C-alpha atoms as a PDB file:
ATOM      1  CA  MET A   1      15.212  -2.363   7.018  1.00  0.00           C
ATOM      2  CA  GLY A   2      11.823  -3.548   5.817  1.00  0.00           C
ATOM      3  CA  ARG A   3      10.443  -2.594   2.479  1.00  0.00           C
ATOM      4  CA  ILE A   4       7.005  -0.947   2.693  1.00  0.00           C
ATOM      5  CA  ILE A   5       4.657  -1.660  -0.374  1.00  0.00           C
ATOM      6  CA  ALA A   6       1.184   0.040  -0.730  1.00  0.00           C
ATOM      7  CA  ILE A   7      -1.327  -1.896  -2.794  1.00  0.00           C
ATOM      8  CA  ALA A   8      -3.297   1.049  -4.487  1.00  0.00           C
ATOM      9  CA  ASN A   9      -5.800   1.619  -7.135  1.00  0.00           C
ATOM     10  CA  GLN A  10      -8.840   3.978  -6.606  1.00  0.00           C
ATOM     11  CA  LYS A  11     -10.955   1.726  -8.938  1.00  0.00           C
ATOM     12  CA  GLY A  12     -12.808  -0.835  -6.693  1.00  0.00           C
ATOM     13  CA  GLY A  13     -13.072  -4.556  -7.433  1.00  0.00           C
ATOM     14  CA  VAL A  14      -9.651  -4.968  -9.013  1.00  0.00           C
ATOM     15  CA  GLY A  15      -8.153  -7.317  -6.437  1.00  0.00           C
ATOM     16  CA  LYS A  16      -6.357  -4.903  -4.004  1.00  0.00           C
ATOM     17  CA  THR A  17      -7.455  -6.708  -0.762  1.00  0.00           C
ATOM     18  CA  THR A  18      -7.082 -10.104  -2.270  1.00  0.00           C
ATOM     19  CA  THR A  19      -3.556  -9.241  -3.377  1.00  0.00           C
ATOM     20  CA  ALA A  20      -2.633  -7.645  -0.167  1.00  0.00           C
ATOM     21  CA  VAL A  21      -3.705 -10.722   1.901  1.00  0.00           C
ATOM     22  CA  ASN A  22      -2.362 -13.345  -0.289  1.00  0.00           C
ATOM     23  CA  LEU A  23       1.018 -11.608  -1.156  1.00  0.00           C
ATOM     24  CA  ALA A  24       1.506 -10.920   2.475  1.00  0.00           C
ATOM     25  CA  ALA A  25       0.741 -14.622   3.255  1.00  0.00           C
ATOM     26  CA  SER A  26       3.065 -15.789   0.384  1.00  0.00           C
ATOM     27  CA  LEU A  27       6.030 -13.728   1.547  1.00  0.00           C
ATOM     28  CA  ALA A  28       5.468 -15.021   5.076  1.00  0.00           C
ATOM     29  CA  ALA A  29       5.457 -18.619   3.717  1.00  0.00           C
ATOM     30  CA  ALA A  30       8.735 -17.836   1.987  1.00  0.00           C
ATOM     31  CA  GLU A  31      10.021 -17.036   5.632  1.00  0.00           C
ATOM     32  CA  GLN A  32      10.123 -13.421   5.312  1.00  0.00           C
ATOM     33  CA  PRO A  33       8.786 -11.607   8.373  1.00  0.00           C
ATOM     34  CA  THR A  34       5.837  -9.671   6.954  1.00  0.00           C
ATOM     35  CA  LEU A  35       3.340  -7.031   8.432  1.00  0.00           C
ATOM     36  CA  LEU A  36       0.064  -6.510   6.776  1.00  0.00           C
ATOM     37  CA  ILE A  37      -1.533  -3.203   7.393  1.00  0.00           C
ATOM     38  CA  ASP A  38      -5.224  -2.737   6.585  1.00  0.00           C
ATOM     39  CA  ILE A  39      -6.145   0.934   6.257  1.00  0.00           C
ATOM     40  CA  ASP A  40      -9.326   0.323   4.195  1.00  0.00           C
ATOM     41  CA  PRO A  41     -12.402   1.113   6.672  1.00  0.00           C
ATOM     42  CA  GLN A  42     -14.340  -1.876   5.161  1.00  0.00           C
ATOM     43  CA  ALA A  43     -11.611  -4.035   6.902  1.00  0.00           C
ATOM     44  CA  ASN A  44     -11.784  -6.800   4.451  1.00  0.00           C
ATOM     45  CA  ALA A  45      -8.218  -7.721   4.755  1.00  0.00           C
ATOM     46  CA  THR A  46      -8.715  -8.003   8.483  1.00  0.00           C
ATOM     47  CA  SER A  47     -11.686 -10.373   8.149  1.00  0.00           C
ATOM     48  CA  GLY A  48      -9.786 -12.046   5.307  1.00  0.00           C
ATOM     49  CA  LEU A  49      -7.234 -13.385   8.026  1.00  0.00           C
ATOM     50  CA  GLY A  50      -9.964 -14.531  10.284  1.00  0.00           C
ATOM     51  CA  ILE A  51      -9.907 -11.527  12.507  1.00  0.00           C
ATOM     52  CA  GLY A  52     -13.357  -9.975  13.510  1.00  0.00           C
ATOM     53  CA  ALA A  53     -12.891  -6.153  13.467  1.00  0.00           C
ATOM     54  CA  LYS A  54     -15.910  -4.995  15.361  1.00  0.00           C
ATOM     55  CA  LYS A  55     -14.612  -6.101  18.890  1.00  0.00           C
ATOM     56  CA  LEU A  56     -11.111  -4.766  18.394  1.00  0.00           C
ATOM     57  CA  GLU A  57     -10.027  -1.950  20.620  1.00  0.00           C
ATOM     58  CA  LYS A  58      -6.567  -1.462  19.147  1.00  0.00           C
ATOM     59  CA  THR A  59      -6.563  -0.994  15.482  1.00  0.00           C
ATOM     60  CA  VAL A  60      -4.913   1.148  12.785  1.00  0.00           C
ATOM     61  CA  TYR A  61      -7.494   3.768  13.611  1.00  0.00           C
ATOM     62  CA  GLU A  62      -5.899   4.332  17.056  1.00  0.00           C
ATOM     63  CA  VAL A  63      -2.533   4.286  15.473  1.00  0.00           C
ATOM     64  CA  ILE A  64      -3.290   7.006  13.060  1.00  0.00           C
ATOM     65  CA  VAL A  65      -5.854   9.277  14.963  1.00  0.00           C
ATOM     66  CA  ASP A  66      -4.742   8.755  18.597  1.00  0.00           C
ATOM     67  CA  ARG A  67      -1.047   8.098  17.823  1.00  0.00           C
ATOM     68  CA  MET A  68      -1.004   4.889  19.593  1.00  0.00           C
ATOM     69  CA  SER A  69       2.237   2.921  19.136  1.00  0.00           C
ATOM     70  CA  PRO A  70       1.910   0.415  16.237  1.00  0.00           C
ATOM     71  CA  HIS A  71       3.385  -2.253  18.517  1.00  0.00           C
ATOM     72  CA  GLU A  72       0.260  -2.320  20.686  1.00  0.00           C
ATOM     73  CA  ALA A  73      -2.077  -2.859  17.634  1.00  0.00           C
ATOM     74  CA  ILE A  74      -0.229  -5.749  15.991  1.00  0.00           C
ATOM     75  CA  ILE A  75      -2.079  -9.151  16.026  1.00  0.00           C
ATOM     76  CA  ARG A  76      -0.401 -12.521  15.408  1.00  0.00           C
ATOM     77  CA  THR A  77      -1.940 -14.749  12.581  1.00  0.00           C
ATOM     78  CA  GLU A  78      -1.975 -18.424  11.725  1.00  0.00           C
ATOM     79  CA  LEU A  79       1.165 -18.046   9.806  1.00  0.00           C
ATOM     80  CA  GLY A  80       4.139 -17.729  12.036  1.00  0.00           C
ATOM     81  CA  ASP A  81       5.879 -14.924   9.874  1.00  0.00           C
ATOM     82  CA  LEU A  82       2.749 -12.935   9.241  1.00  0.00           C
ATOM     83  CA  ASP A  83       1.405 -10.237  11.524  1.00  0.00           C
ATOM     84  CA  LEU A  84      -1.568  -7.797  11.101  1.00  0.00           C
ATOM     85  CA  ILE A  85      -2.491  -4.369  12.118  1.00  0.00           C
ATOM     86  CA  PRO A  86      -6.304  -4.569  11.634  1.00  0.00           C
ATOM     87  CA  SER A  87      -8.741  -1.947  10.403  1.00  0.00           C
ATOM     88  CA  HIS A  88     -12.058  -0.676  11.863  1.00  0.00           C
ATOM     89  CA  ILE A  89     -15.200   0.907  10.595  1.00  0.00           C
ATOM     90  CA  ASN A  90     -14.259   3.977  12.702  1.00  0.00           C
ATOM     91  CA  LEU A  91     -11.570   4.675  10.000  1.00  0.00           C
ATOM     92  CA  VAL A  92     -14.471   6.110   7.867  1.00  0.00           C
ATOM     93  CA  GLY A  93     -14.174   9.336   9.941  1.00  0.00           C
ATOM     94  CA  ALA A  94     -10.387   9.507  10.130  1.00  0.00           C
ATOM     95  CA  GLU A  95      -9.919  11.916   7.352  1.00  0.00           C
ATOM     96  CA  ILE A  96     -12.409  14.473   8.997  1.00  0.00           C
ATOM     97  CA  GLU A  97     -10.644  13.959  12.406  1.00  0.00           C
ATOM     98  CA  MET A  98      -7.255  14.597  10.889  1.00  0.00           C
ATOM     99  CA  ILE A  99      -8.240  17.666   8.859  1.00  0.00           C
ATOM    100  CA  ASP A 100      -6.445  20.148  11.212  1.00  0.00           C
ATOM    101  CA  VAL A 101      -3.536  17.890  12.241  1.00  0.00           C
ATOM    102  CA  PRO A 102      -0.204  19.338  11.177  1.00  0.00           C
ATOM    103  CA  GLY A 103       1.644  17.023   8.650  1.00  0.00           C
ATOM    104  CA  ARG A 104      -1.513  14.909   8.546  1.00  0.00           C
ATOM    105  CA  GLU A 105      -0.040  13.279   5.361  1.00  0.00           C
ATOM    106  CA  LYS A 106       2.877  11.765   7.364  1.00  0.00           C
ATOM    107  CA  VAL A 107       1.094  10.403  10.366  1.00  0.00           C
ATOM    108  CA  LEU A 108       1.453   6.751   9.151  1.00  0.00           C
ATOM    109  CA  TYR A 109       4.923   7.357   8.015  1.00  0.00           C
ATOM    110  CA  ASN A 110       5.997   8.497  11.421  1.00  0.00           C
ATOM    111  CA  ALA A 111       4.055   5.594  13.118  1.00  0.00           C
ATOM    112  CA  LEU A 112       5.918   3.008  10.888  1.00  0.00           C
ATOM    113  CA  ALA A 113       9.351   4.333  11.590  1.00  0.00           C
ATOM    114  CA  GLU A 114       9.441   2.412  14.915  1.00  0.00           C
ATOM    115  CA  ILE A 115       8.432  -1.036  13.622  1.00  0.00           C
ATOM    116  CA  ARG A 116       9.686  -1.218   9.986  1.00  0.00           C
ATOM    117  CA  THR A 117      12.973  -2.664  11.228  1.00  0.00           C
ATOM    118  CA  CYS A 118      11.078  -5.695  12.740  1.00  0.00           C
ATOM    119  CA  TYR A 119       9.958  -6.846   9.316  1.00  0.00           C
ATOM    120  CA  ASP A 120      11.326  -7.692   5.856  1.00  0.00           C
ATOM    121  CA  TYR A 121       8.165  -6.654   4.297  1.00  0.00           C
ATOM    122  CA  VAL A 122       5.271  -4.235   5.253  1.00  0.00           C
ATOM    123  CA  ILE A 123       2.162  -4.542   2.899  1.00  0.00           C
ATOM    124  CA  ILE A 124      -0.567  -1.801   3.087  1.00  0.00           C
ATOM    125  CA  ASP A 125      -4.101  -2.462   1.815  1.00  0.00           C
ATOM    126  CA  CYS A 126      -5.344   0.911   0.732  1.00  0.00           C
ATOM    127  CA  PRO A 127      -9.104   1.889   0.330  1.00  0.00           C
ATOM    128  CA  PRO A 128     -10.500   2.353  -3.163  1.00  0.00           C
ATOM    129  CA  SER A 129     -10.008   6.214  -3.276  1.00  0.00           C
ATOM    130  CA  LEU A 130      -7.340   8.791  -3.407  1.00  0.00           C
ATOM    131  CA  GLY A 131      -8.103  10.424  -0.063  1.00  0.00           C
ATOM    132  CA  LEU A 132      -5.905  11.145   3.028  1.00  0.00           C
ATOM    133  CA  LEU A 133      -5.718   7.498   3.910  1.00  0.00           C
ATOM    134  CA  THR A 134      -4.299   6.430   0.683  1.00  0.00           C
ATOM    135  CA  LEU A 135      -2.087   9.570   0.717  1.00  0.00           C
ATOM    136  CA  ASN A 136      -0.688   8.501   4.139  1.00  0.00           C
ATOM    137  CA  ALA A 137      -0.011   4.959   2.620  1.00  0.00           C
ATOM    138  CA  LEU A 138       1.934   6.308  -0.317  1.00  0.00           C
ATOM    139  CA  THR A 139       3.996   8.793   1.751  1.00  0.00           C
ATOM    140  CA  ALA A 140       4.992   5.935   4.105  1.00  0.00           C
ATOM    141  CA  SER A 141       5.839   3.542   1.331  1.00  0.00           C
ATOM    142  CA  ASP A 142       8.998   2.721  -0.608  1.00  0.00           C
ATOM    143  CA  ALA A 143       6.886   1.514  -3.588  1.00  0.00           C
ATOM    144  CA  VAL A 144       3.326   1.005  -4.848  1.00  0.00           C
ATOM    145  CA  LEU A 145       1.939  -2.093  -6.329  1.00  0.00           C
ATOM    146  CA  ILE A 146      -1.036  -1.445  -8.742  1.00  0.00           C
ATOM    147  CA  PRO A 147      -3.439  -4.212  -9.465  1.00  0.00           C
ATOM    148  CA  VAL A 148      -5.243  -3.984 -12.760  1.00  0.00           C
ATOM    149  CA  GLN A 149      -8.225  -6.215 -13.615  1.00  0.00           C
ATOM    150  CA  CYS A 150      -8.344  -7.710 -17.124  1.00  0.00           C
ATOM    151  CA  GLU A 151     -11.547  -6.073 -17.970  1.00  0.00           C
ATOM    152  CA  TYR A 152     -12.856  -3.377 -20.297  1.00  0.00           C
ATOM    153  CA  TYR A 153     -12.723  -0.557 -17.930  1.00  0.00           C
ATOM    154  CA  ALA A 154      -9.385  -1.682 -16.470  1.00  0.00           C
ATOM    155  CA  LEU A 155      -7.277   1.302 -17.648  1.00  0.00           C
ATOM    156  CA  GLU A 156      -9.968   3.970 -16.337  1.00  0.00           C
ATOM    157  CA  GLY A 157      -8.498   5.986 -13.542  1.00  0.00           C
ATOM    158  CA  LEU A 158      -4.747   4.726 -13.934  1.00  0.00           C
ATOM    159  CA  GLY A 159      -3.958   8.139 -15.310  1.00  0.00           C
ATOM    160  CA  GLN A 160      -5.165   9.807 -12.122  1.00  0.00           C
ATOM    161  CA  LEU A 161      -3.379   7.331  -9.830  1.00  0.00           C
ATOM    162  CA  LEU A 162      -0.183   7.949 -11.751  1.00  0.00           C
ATOM    163  CA  ASN A 163      -0.848  11.644 -11.297  1.00  0.00           C
ATOM    164  CA  THR A 164      -1.320  11.182  -7.543  1.00  0.00           C
ATOM    165  CA  ILE A 165       1.916   9.173  -7.316  1.00  0.00           C
ATOM    166  CA  SER A 166       3.722  11.918  -9.155  1.00  0.00           C
ATOM    167  CA  ILE A 167       2.345  14.592  -6.714  1.00  0.00           C
ATOM    168  CA  VAL A 168       3.422  12.541  -3.668  1.00  0.00           C
ATOM    169  CA  LYS A 169       6.872  12.039  -5.142  1.00  0.00           C
ATOM    170  CA  LYS A 170       7.023  15.804  -5.723  1.00  0.00           C
ATOM    171  CA  HIS A 171       5.916  16.959  -2.271  1.00  0.00           C
ATOM    172  CA  LEU A 172       6.003  14.113   0.310  1.00  0.00           C
ATOM    173  CA  ASN A 173       8.160  10.986  -0.796  1.00  0.00           C
ATOM    174  CA  PRO A 174      10.722  11.772  -3.371  1.00  0.00           C
ATOM    175  CA  LEU A 175      11.772   8.046  -3.441  1.00  0.00           C
ATOM    176  CA  LEU A 176       8.384   6.608  -3.964  1.00  0.00           C
ATOM    177  CA  ASP A 177       8.508   3.989  -6.867  1.00  0.00           C
ATOM    178  CA  ILE A 178       6.181   1.858  -8.730  1.00  0.00           C
ATOM    179  CA  GLU A 179       6.791  -1.719  -7.515  1.00  0.00           C
ATOM    180  CA  GLY A 180       4.967  -3.035 -10.493  1.00  0.00           C
ATOM    181  CA  VAL A 181       1.714  -3.544 -12.243  1.00  0.00           C
ATOM    182  CA  LEU A 182      -0.190  -6.825 -11.460  1.00  0.00           C
ATOM    183  CA  LEU A 183      -2.908  -8.155 -13.919  1.00  0.00           C
ATOM    184  CA  THR A 184      -5.615  -9.779 -11.933  1.00  0.00           C
ATOM    185  CA  MET A 185      -8.693 -11.838 -12.852  1.00  0.00           C
ATOM    186  CA  PHE A 186      -6.876 -13.014 -15.995  1.00  0.00           C
ATOM    187  CA  ASP A 187      -8.661 -15.628 -18.168  1.00  0.00           C
ATOM    188  CA  ARG A 188      -6.465 -16.652 -21.104  1.00  0.00           C
ATOM    189  CA  ARG A 189      -9.554 -18.087 -22.865  1.00  0.00           C
ATOM    190  CA  LEU A 190     -10.948 -14.518 -23.311  1.00  0.00           C
ATOM    191  CA  ASN A 191      -9.700 -12.247 -26.198  1.00  0.00           C
ATOM    192  CA  LEU A 192     -10.660  -9.281 -23.861  1.00  0.00           C
ATOM    193  CA  SER A 193      -8.165 -10.453 -21.078  1.00  0.00           C
ATOM    194  CA  ASN A 194      -5.352 -10.794 -23.725  1.00  0.00           C
ATOM    195  CA  GLN A 195      -6.038  -7.529 -25.260  1.00  0.00           C
ATOM    196  CA  VAL A 196      -6.017  -5.770 -21.839  1.00  0.00           C
ATOM    197  CA  SER A 197      -2.782  -7.585 -20.954  1.00  0.00           C
ATOM    198  CA  ASP A 198      -1.019  -6.576 -24.143  1.00  0.00           C
ATOM    199  CA  GLU A 199      -2.241  -2.902 -23.747  1.00  0.00           C
ATOM    200  CA  VAL A 200      -0.972  -2.717 -20.046  1.00  0.00           C
ATOM    201  CA  ARG A 201       2.411  -4.287 -21.102  1.00  0.00           C
ATOM    202  CA  ARG A 202       2.684  -1.786 -23.958  1.00  0.00           C
ATOM    203  CA  TYR A 203       2.068   1.162 -21.636  1.00  0.00           C
ATOM    204  CA  PHE A 204       4.023  -0.011 -18.516  1.00  0.00           C
ATOM    205  CA  GLY A 205       6.660  -2.196 -20.088  1.00  0.00           C
ATOM    206  CA  ASP A 206       8.829  -4.168 -17.670  1.00  0.00           C
ATOM    207  CA  LYS A 207       7.009  -2.684 -14.701  1.00  0.00           C
ATOM    208  CA  VAL A 208       4.406  -5.354 -15.501  1.00  0.00           C
ATOM    209  CA  PHE A 209       4.829  -8.351 -13.340  1.00  0.00           C
ATOM    210  CA  THR A 210       5.467 -11.679 -15.190  1.00  0.00           C
ATOM    211  CA  ALA A 211       3.259 -13.343 -12.765  1.00  0.00           C
ATOM    212  CA  MET A 212      -0.527 -12.937 -13.353  1.00  0.00           C
ATOM    213  CA  ILE A 213      -3.448 -13.779 -11.087  1.00  0.00           C
ATOM    214  CA  ALA A 214      -5.991 -15.974 -12.960  1.00  0.00           C
ATOM    215  CA  ARG A 215      -9.642 -16.206 -12.120  1.00  0.00           C
ATOM    216  CA  ASN A 216      -9.897 -19.040  -9.544  1.00  0.00           C
ATOM    217  CA  VAL A 217     -12.968 -20.143  -7.441  1.00  0.00           C
ATOM    218  CA  ARG A 218     -10.659 -21.112  -4.504  1.00  0.00           C
ATOM    219  CA  LEU A 219      -9.343 -17.667  -4.397  1.00  0.00           C
ATOM    220  CA  SER A 220     -12.773 -16.181  -4.192  1.00  0.00           C
ATOM    221  CA  GLU A 221     -13.858 -18.647  -1.528  1.00  0.00           C
ATOM    222  CA  ALA A 222     -10.924 -18.300   0.870  1.00  0.00           C
ATOM    223  CA  PRO A 223     -11.903 -14.983   2.471  1.00  0.00           C
ATOM    224  CA  SER A 224     -15.284 -16.353   3.595  1.00  0.00           C
ATOM    225  CA  HIS A 225     -13.297 -18.975   5.626  1.00  0.00           C
ATOM    226  CA  GLY A 226     -11.023 -16.271   7.095  1.00  0.00           C
ATOM    227  CA  LYS A 227      -7.839 -17.612   5.481  1.00  0.00           C
ATOM    228  CA  PRO A 228      -5.452 -16.621   2.847  1.00  0.00           C
ATOM    229  CA  VAL A 229      -5.685 -19.006  -0.228  1.00  0.00           C
ATOM    230  CA  LEU A 230      -2.476 -20.933   0.720  1.00  0.00           C
ATOM    231  CA  LEU A 231      -4.049 -22.053   3.853  1.00  0.00           C
ATOM    232  CA  TYR A 232      -7.397 -22.654   2.338  1.00  0.00           C
ATOM    233  CA  ASP A 233      -6.130 -24.751  -0.710  1.00  0.00           C
ATOM    234  CA  ALA A 234      -2.304 -24.960  -0.970  1.00  0.00           C
ATOM    235  CA  LEU A 235      -2.571 -26.653  -4.403  1.00  0.00           C
ATOM    236  CA  SER A 236      -4.974 -24.152  -6.088  1.00  0.00           C
ATOM    237  CA  VAL A 237      -4.115 -21.983  -8.901  1.00  0.00           C
ATOM    238  CA  GLY A 238      -4.559 -18.846  -6.810  1.00  0.00           C
ATOM    239  CA  THR A 239      -1.887 -20.213  -4.379  1.00  0.00           C
ATOM    240  CA  GLN A 240       0.592 -20.773  -7.164  1.00  0.00           C
ATOM    241  CA  ASN A 241      -0.111 -17.434  -8.772  1.00  0.00           C
ATOM    242  CA  TYR A 242       0.635 -15.441  -5.502  1.00  0.00           C
ATOM    243  CA  MET A 243       3.646 -17.558  -4.634  1.00  0.00           C
ATOM    244  CA  GLU A 244       5.079 -16.647  -8.104  1.00  0.00           C
ATOM    245  CA  LEU A 245       4.440 -13.123  -7.504  1.00  0.00           C
ATOM    246  CA  ALA A 246       6.224 -13.323  -4.148  1.00  0.00           C
ATOM    247  CA  LYS A 247       9.192 -14.882  -5.778  1.00  0.00           C
ATOM    248  CA  GLU A 248       9.177 -12.159  -8.256  1.00  0.00           C
ATOM    249  CA  ILE A 249       9.128  -9.393  -5.847  1.00  0.00           C
ATOM    250  CA  LEU A 250      11.872 -11.102  -3.731  1.00  0.00           C
ATOM    251  CA  ALA A 251      14.037 -11.409  -6.864  1.00  0.00           C
ATOM    252  CA  ARG A 252      13.471  -7.676  -7.872  1.00  0.00           C
ATOM    253  CA  HIS A 253      14.176  -6.514  -4.407  1.00  0.00           C
ATOM    254  CA  SER A 254      17.293  -8.678  -4.115  1.00  0.00           C
ATOM    255  CA  GLU A 255      18.600  -7.175  -7.388  1.00  0.00           C
ATOM    256  CA  GLY A 256      17.777  -3.644  -6.314  1.00  0.00           C
ATOM    257  CA  LEU A 257      19.475  -3.670  -2.918  1.00  0.00           C
ATOM    258  CA  GLY A 258      22.719  -2.626  -4.066  1.00  0.00           C
ATOM    259  CA  LYS A 259      21.426   0.269  -6.102  1.00  0.00           C
ATOM    260  CA  SER A 260      19.143   1.604  -3.344  1.00  0.00           C
ATOM    261  CA  SER A 261      21.068   1.103  -0.212  1.00  0.00           C
ATOM    262  CA  GLU A 262      22.441   4.781  -0.216  1.00  0.00           C
ATOM    263  CA  GLU A 263      19.077   6.420  -0.876  1.00  0.00           C
ATOM    264  CA  GLU A 264      17.377   4.218   1.761  1.00  0.00           C
ATOM    265  CA  LYS A 265      19.979   5.213   4.513  1.00  0.00           C
ATOM    266  CA  GLY A 266      19.459   8.872   3.493  1.00  0.00           C
ATOM    267  CA  ARG A 267      15.762   8.702   3.830  1.00  0.00           C
ATOM    268  CA  ARG A 268      14.891   6.197   6.447  1.00  0.00           C
ATOM    269  CA  ASP A 269      17.308   7.006   9.232  1.00  0.00           C
ATOM    270  CA  VAL A 270      15.186  10.136   9.883  1.00  0.00           C
ATOM    271  CA  VAL A 271      11.953  10.492  11.619  1.00  0.00           C
ATOM    272  CA  VAL A 272       9.810  13.557  11.075  1.00  0.00           C
ATOM    273  CA  HIS A 273       9.243  15.083  14.463  1.00  0.00           C
ATOM    274  CA  GLU A 274       5.951  16.756  15.390  1.00  0.00           C
ATOM    275  CA  ASP A 275       7.703  19.648  16.957  1.00  0.00           C
ATOM    276  CA  GLY A 276       8.795  20.917  13.464  1.00  0.00           C
ATOM    277  CA  ALA A 277      12.432  20.393  14.156  1.00  0.00           C
ATOM    278  CA  GLU A 278      14.474  20.579  10.850  1.00  0.00           C
ATOM    279  CA  ASN A 279      16.014  17.426   9.540  1.00  0.00           C
ATOM    280  CA  LYS A 280      17.521  15.996   6.536  1.00  0.00           C
ATOM    281  CA  GLU A 281      14.099  14.950   5.003  1.00  0.00           C
ATOM    282  CA  GLU A 282      12.446  18.209   5.714  1.00  0.00           C
ATOM    283  CA  ASN A 283      15.412  19.884   3.714  1.00  0.00           C
ATOM    284  CA  SER A 284      14.940  17.560   0.992  1.00  0.00           C
ATOM    285  CA  LEU A 285      11.141  18.265   0.777  1.00  0.00           C
ATOM    286  CA  ASN A 286      11.431  21.792   1.153  1.00  0.00           C
ATOM    287  CA  SER A 287      13.739  22.034  -1.836  1.00  0.00           C
ATOM    288  CA  GLN A 288      10.718  20.592  -3.897  1.00  0.00           C
ATOM    289  CA  ALA A 289       7.731  21.852  -1.984  1.00  0.00           C
ATOM    290  CA  GLY A 290       9.072  25.355  -0.908  1.00  0.00           C
ATOM    291  CA  SER A 291       9.981  26.696   2.683  1.00  0.00           C
ATOM    292  CA  PRO A 292       7.607  25.992   5.697  1.00  0.00           C
ATOM    293  CA  ALA A 293       6.468  29.621   5.295  1.00  0.00           C
ATOM    294  CA  GLU A 294       5.649  29.166   1.650  1.00  0.00           C
ATOM    295  CA  GLN A 295       3.867  25.858   2.476  1.00  0.00           C
ATOM    296  CA  SER A 296       1.807  27.669   5.063  1.00  0.00           C
ATOM    297  CA  GLU A 297       0.902  30.504   2.671  1.00  0.00           C
ATOM    298  CA  ASN A 298       0.146  27.948  -0.011  1.00  0.00           C
ATOM    299  CA  SER A 299      -2.042  26.106   2.524  1.00  0.00           C
ATOM    300  CA  GLY A 300      -4.225  29.042   2.967  1.00  0.00           C
ATOM    301  CA  ASN A 301      -4.846  29.062  -0.711  1.00  0.00           C
ATOM    302  CA  GLY A 302      -5.704  25.351  -0.888  1.00  0.00           C
ATOM    303  CA  HIS A 303      -2.286  24.407  -2.208  1.00  0.00           C
ATOM    304  CA  THR A 304      -1.857  21.231  -0.389  1.00  0.00           C
ATOM    305  CA  PRO A 305      -0.858  17.797  -1.928  1.00  0.00           C
ATOM    306  CA  LEU A 306      -4.273  16.544  -1.070  1.00  0.00           C
ATOM    307  CA  ASN A 307      -6.099  19.602  -2.701  1.00  0.00           C
ATOM    308  CA  GLU A 308      -3.749  19.226  -5.699  1.00  0.00           C
ATOM    309  CA  ILE A 309      -4.939  15.613  -6.155  1.00  0.00           C
ATOM    310  CA  ARG A 310      -8.606  16.522  -5.729  1.00  0.00           C
ATOM    311  CA  ARG A 311      -8.203  19.375  -8.333  1.00  0.00           C
ATOM    312  CA  GLY A 312      -6.714  16.719 -10.636  1.00  0.00           C
ATOM    313  CA  GLU A 313      -9.876  14.610 -10.126  1.00  0.00           C
ATOM    314  CA  GLY A 314     -12.125  17.470 -11.085  1.00  0.00           C
END
C-alpha cells in the first residue's frame, strides 16, 4: 500500500513545489514507483516536469470536480518510475464549485483509494493556502511534510498550519502524522540560516530532517528547463540534497512499517461511499466529530472543519 505525503505550508516561497517535484523524482530514481499530484492551480509542479498544463483535458480538476477516475489523468514522465496527475488553472474555481458537495473534504481521499496500491509513494503538491484543496490533500494523506525556509519570517504561520493539522486529525483523518520538517534555502555561511535551523530543531526535535536543502543555482534553473534537478544536473548540490532526503524518508518508512501496519489496514481497506453507507472509518470519525445528525446540525451553524480552520485564521 503506497504512502501518501502532502507537501504543505500556507506561506508561499518556501520551496513546496521544488520539494514535491525533486523528492518525487528522487524516490523514482531510487526505484520506488511514485505518483506526483499537483493540486496547486498555478500548476508549477506540472510545468516543472515539462508538461504544458494549458492544453491538457484530463487533470486533477476533472478528478476532483467531475469525479473522473484518476487513472485517466495520469501522465508518464521522463523518469520510468515517476507518474504525474497534472494541475490546471481551472482549479482556481474548484473550491466554489465544490461548496455544496457532500463530504467535499474527502473527494481526493476517495479518488486515491483506487490507485494508491499502484505506487510506493504518492506526493501531493499543495497550494500556498489552507483552503479546501489543501484540506482535501491532508485528509487523503498519511503524513504531511512541512518545508521551512531559513529566513527571518520562516516560523510565521507554522502555528496555524499545525492547528489545521490538529483539526484534520480530530475530524477527518485521525492517523495523519507529520512526516517531517524540511529546512530549505539553507546557507551555512549566514548566521540567520543557522539561527533559524537551531530554532526549528529546538521546537520540532527529531521531526526535523537531517537532510537540508541548500541554496543552489542549478536547483533554481531546473524548472525553466522542465526537468527535476537530477535530470538537469545530476552532480549538483540540489540533486545530492534531495537524494539524501529521499533516503531519509525511505529509512523512516522502513522503520515505521512494523508499527503502523495494523493502523494502516484498519483505515485504508475502507472507501468512503457517496451514498452515506456506514463503514469502519465513518464510525471512527463519528466518535470524534459527532453523529451524522450532529454534523448536519453543526454544519448549519458553520461548524465544519473548513470553517473551524478559517475561524482560527481570524
